[in-house]
Protein backbone atom coordinates (compact mmCIF):
# COMPACT_ATOMS: atom_id res chain seq x y z
CA MET A 1 14.64 -74.05 -93.03
CA SER A 2 18.35 -73.87 -93.82
CA GLU A 3 19.87 -72.37 -96.95
CA THR A 4 22.71 -74.13 -98.80
CA VAL A 5 25.40 -71.74 -100.00
CA THR A 6 28.69 -72.08 -101.87
CA TYR A 7 31.83 -69.96 -101.59
CA GLU A 8 35.23 -70.12 -103.27
CA VAL A 9 38.46 -69.14 -101.58
CA THR A 10 41.66 -69.10 -103.64
CA PHE A 11 45.24 -68.57 -102.46
CA PRO A 12 47.63 -67.82 -105.35
CA GLU A 13 50.52 -70.07 -104.36
CA ARG A 14 51.43 -73.62 -105.25
CA ALA A 15 50.18 -76.09 -102.64
CA TRP A 16 52.94 -78.11 -101.05
CA THR A 17 52.71 -81.89 -101.05
CA THR A 18 53.05 -84.73 -98.58
CA ASN A 19 56.27 -85.84 -100.31
CA SER A 20 57.87 -82.40 -100.06
CA GLU A 21 56.80 -82.15 -96.43
CA ARG A 22 58.43 -85.50 -95.63
CA SER A 23 61.71 -84.42 -97.17
CA SER A 24 61.78 -81.18 -95.18
CA ASN A 25 62.00 -80.45 -91.46
CA ARG A 26 59.40 -79.50 -88.87
CA TRP A 27 60.39 -75.81 -88.85
CA VAL A 28 59.78 -75.44 -92.59
CA ARG A 29 56.45 -77.26 -92.20
CA ALA A 30 55.40 -75.03 -89.29
CA GLU A 31 56.23 -71.92 -91.32
CA LYS A 32 54.14 -73.12 -94.29
CA VAL A 33 51.21 -74.13 -92.08
CA LYS A 34 51.19 -70.73 -90.38
CA LYS A 35 51.34 -68.88 -93.70
CA TRP A 36 48.54 -70.89 -95.35
CA ARG A 37 46.35 -70.97 -92.25
CA THR A 38 46.61 -67.19 -91.91
CA ALA A 39 46.04 -66.61 -95.63
CA PHE A 40 42.84 -68.66 -95.76
CA LYS A 41 41.59 -67.04 -92.55
CA LEU A 42 42.09 -63.55 -93.99
CA LEU A 43 40.64 -64.49 -97.40
CA ALA A 44 37.50 -65.98 -95.80
CA GLU A 45 37.08 -62.97 -93.52
CA ALA A 46 37.46 -60.60 -96.49
CA GLN A 47 34.57 -62.41 -98.22
CA GLU A 48 32.55 -62.29 -94.99
CA ILE A 49 31.74 -65.99 -95.23
CA PRO A 50 29.23 -66.82 -92.49
CA THR A 51 29.42 -69.76 -90.11
CA LEU A 52 28.26 -72.90 -91.90
CA GLU A 53 27.07 -76.38 -90.90
CA ASN A 54 27.14 -79.64 -92.85
CA VAL A 55 30.16 -78.44 -94.79
CA HIS A 56 31.63 -80.14 -97.86
CA ILE A 57 34.94 -78.84 -99.23
CA THR A 58 36.38 -79.47 -102.68
CA ALA A 59 40.09 -78.77 -103.19
CA GLN A 60 41.22 -77.71 -106.67
CA PRO A 61 44.98 -77.23 -107.03
CA TYR A 62 46.50 -75.39 -110.00
CA GLN A 63 50.12 -75.65 -111.10
CA LYS A 64 52.29 -73.64 -113.40
CA GLY A 65 54.46 -75.85 -115.60
CA GLY A 66 56.09 -79.17 -114.87
CA VAL A 67 54.57 -82.51 -114.04
CA LEU A 68 51.28 -82.24 -112.20
CA GLN A 69 51.30 -83.45 -108.60
CA ASP A 70 49.34 -86.55 -107.65
CA VAL A 71 45.68 -86.21 -106.69
CA ALA A 72 45.37 -85.45 -102.95
CA SER A 73 49.13 -85.06 -102.47
CA CYS A 74 48.41 -81.44 -101.52
CA ASN A 75 46.70 -82.69 -98.35
CA PRO A 76 49.03 -80.82 -95.94
CA ALA A 77 48.25 -77.50 -97.62
CA VAL A 78 44.52 -78.26 -97.69
CA LYS A 79 44.53 -79.17 -93.98
CA ALA A 80 46.25 -75.86 -93.14
CA ALA A 81 43.72 -74.00 -95.32
CA ILE A 82 40.80 -75.72 -93.58
CA ASP A 83 42.27 -74.78 -90.20
CA GLY A 84 42.31 -71.18 -91.46
CA LEU A 85 38.61 -71.47 -92.28
CA VAL A 86 37.99 -72.63 -88.72
CA ASP A 87 40.00 -69.65 -87.44
CA ALA A 88 37.73 -67.40 -89.56
CA LYS A 89 34.70 -69.10 -87.98
CA VAL A 90 33.44 -70.51 -91.29
CA MET A 91 32.98 -73.71 -89.25
CA ILE A 92 32.86 -74.20 -85.49
CA ASP A 93 35.62 -76.78 -85.99
CA ASP A 94 36.68 -79.32 -88.60
CA SER A 95 35.36 -82.35 -86.75
CA PRO A 96 32.96 -84.72 -88.55
CA LYS A 97 30.08 -82.95 -86.81
CA TYR A 98 30.65 -79.87 -89.02
CA LEU A 99 32.91 -80.96 -91.90
CA HIS A 100 31.31 -83.88 -93.72
CA SER A 101 33.70 -84.34 -96.65
CA VAL A 102 36.84 -83.15 -98.38
CA THR A 103 37.13 -83.97 -102.07
CA PHE A 104 40.38 -83.61 -103.99
CA LEU A 105 40.15 -82.81 -107.68
CA GLN A 106 43.01 -83.59 -110.03
CA PRO A 107 45.49 -80.71 -110.39
CA GLN A 108 45.03 -78.45 -113.39
CA LYS A 109 47.61 -76.50 -115.37
CA GLY A 110 47.49 -72.78 -114.75
CA LYS A 111 48.90 -70.20 -112.38
CA ASN A 112 49.97 -71.71 -109.06
CA ALA A 113 46.99 -71.65 -106.69
CA LEU A 114 44.78 -73.66 -104.41
CA LYS A 115 41.04 -73.08 -104.62
CA LEU A 116 38.69 -74.40 -101.96
CA ILE A 117 35.04 -74.66 -102.89
CA ILE A 118 33.06 -74.55 -99.66
CA LYS A 119 29.46 -75.72 -99.64
CA GLY A 120 27.34 -75.75 -96.51
CA GLU A 121 24.25 -74.60 -94.73
CA ARG A 122 24.01 -71.24 -93.03
CA THR A 123 23.73 -71.72 -89.30
CA LYS A 124 20.45 -70.85 -87.69
CA GLN A 125 20.85 -67.67 -85.67
C-alpha cells in the first residue's frame, strides 16, 4: 500500500514570467533557469524529500508590491523549479508517467517567493 505525502518547497525570489522571458535574451534565461533549478534541487535535498510517484504540484507565487502577475505567467520559473526537483530525485522525471498535474494558483501579495506544494505517493522500495 502506498502512502500519500505532501511537501512544500519555497524559494524567496520573485518568479519571472513568460512576458519578461520573451523580452530578454537566451543568456539571461539560461542564467535564471540554472539559478532556480539549482535552488529547488538544494531546497528539496535539504528537506530530504523522498522519490515520489503520481505527483501533483501546485505553484503559489507571492509578490511584493505592484500589480500582480497573471495566473500561470510564472510558468518558466515553475518549469525550472520542477527540473530542480527531478535533479533532487523527488521524481524520476517530469514526464506524464510521474508528474500528473501542475496547478497554478493566483499570485498573492507578500514577500517575493515561489512556493511549490508537492503531493505524491512514496515509491515502493
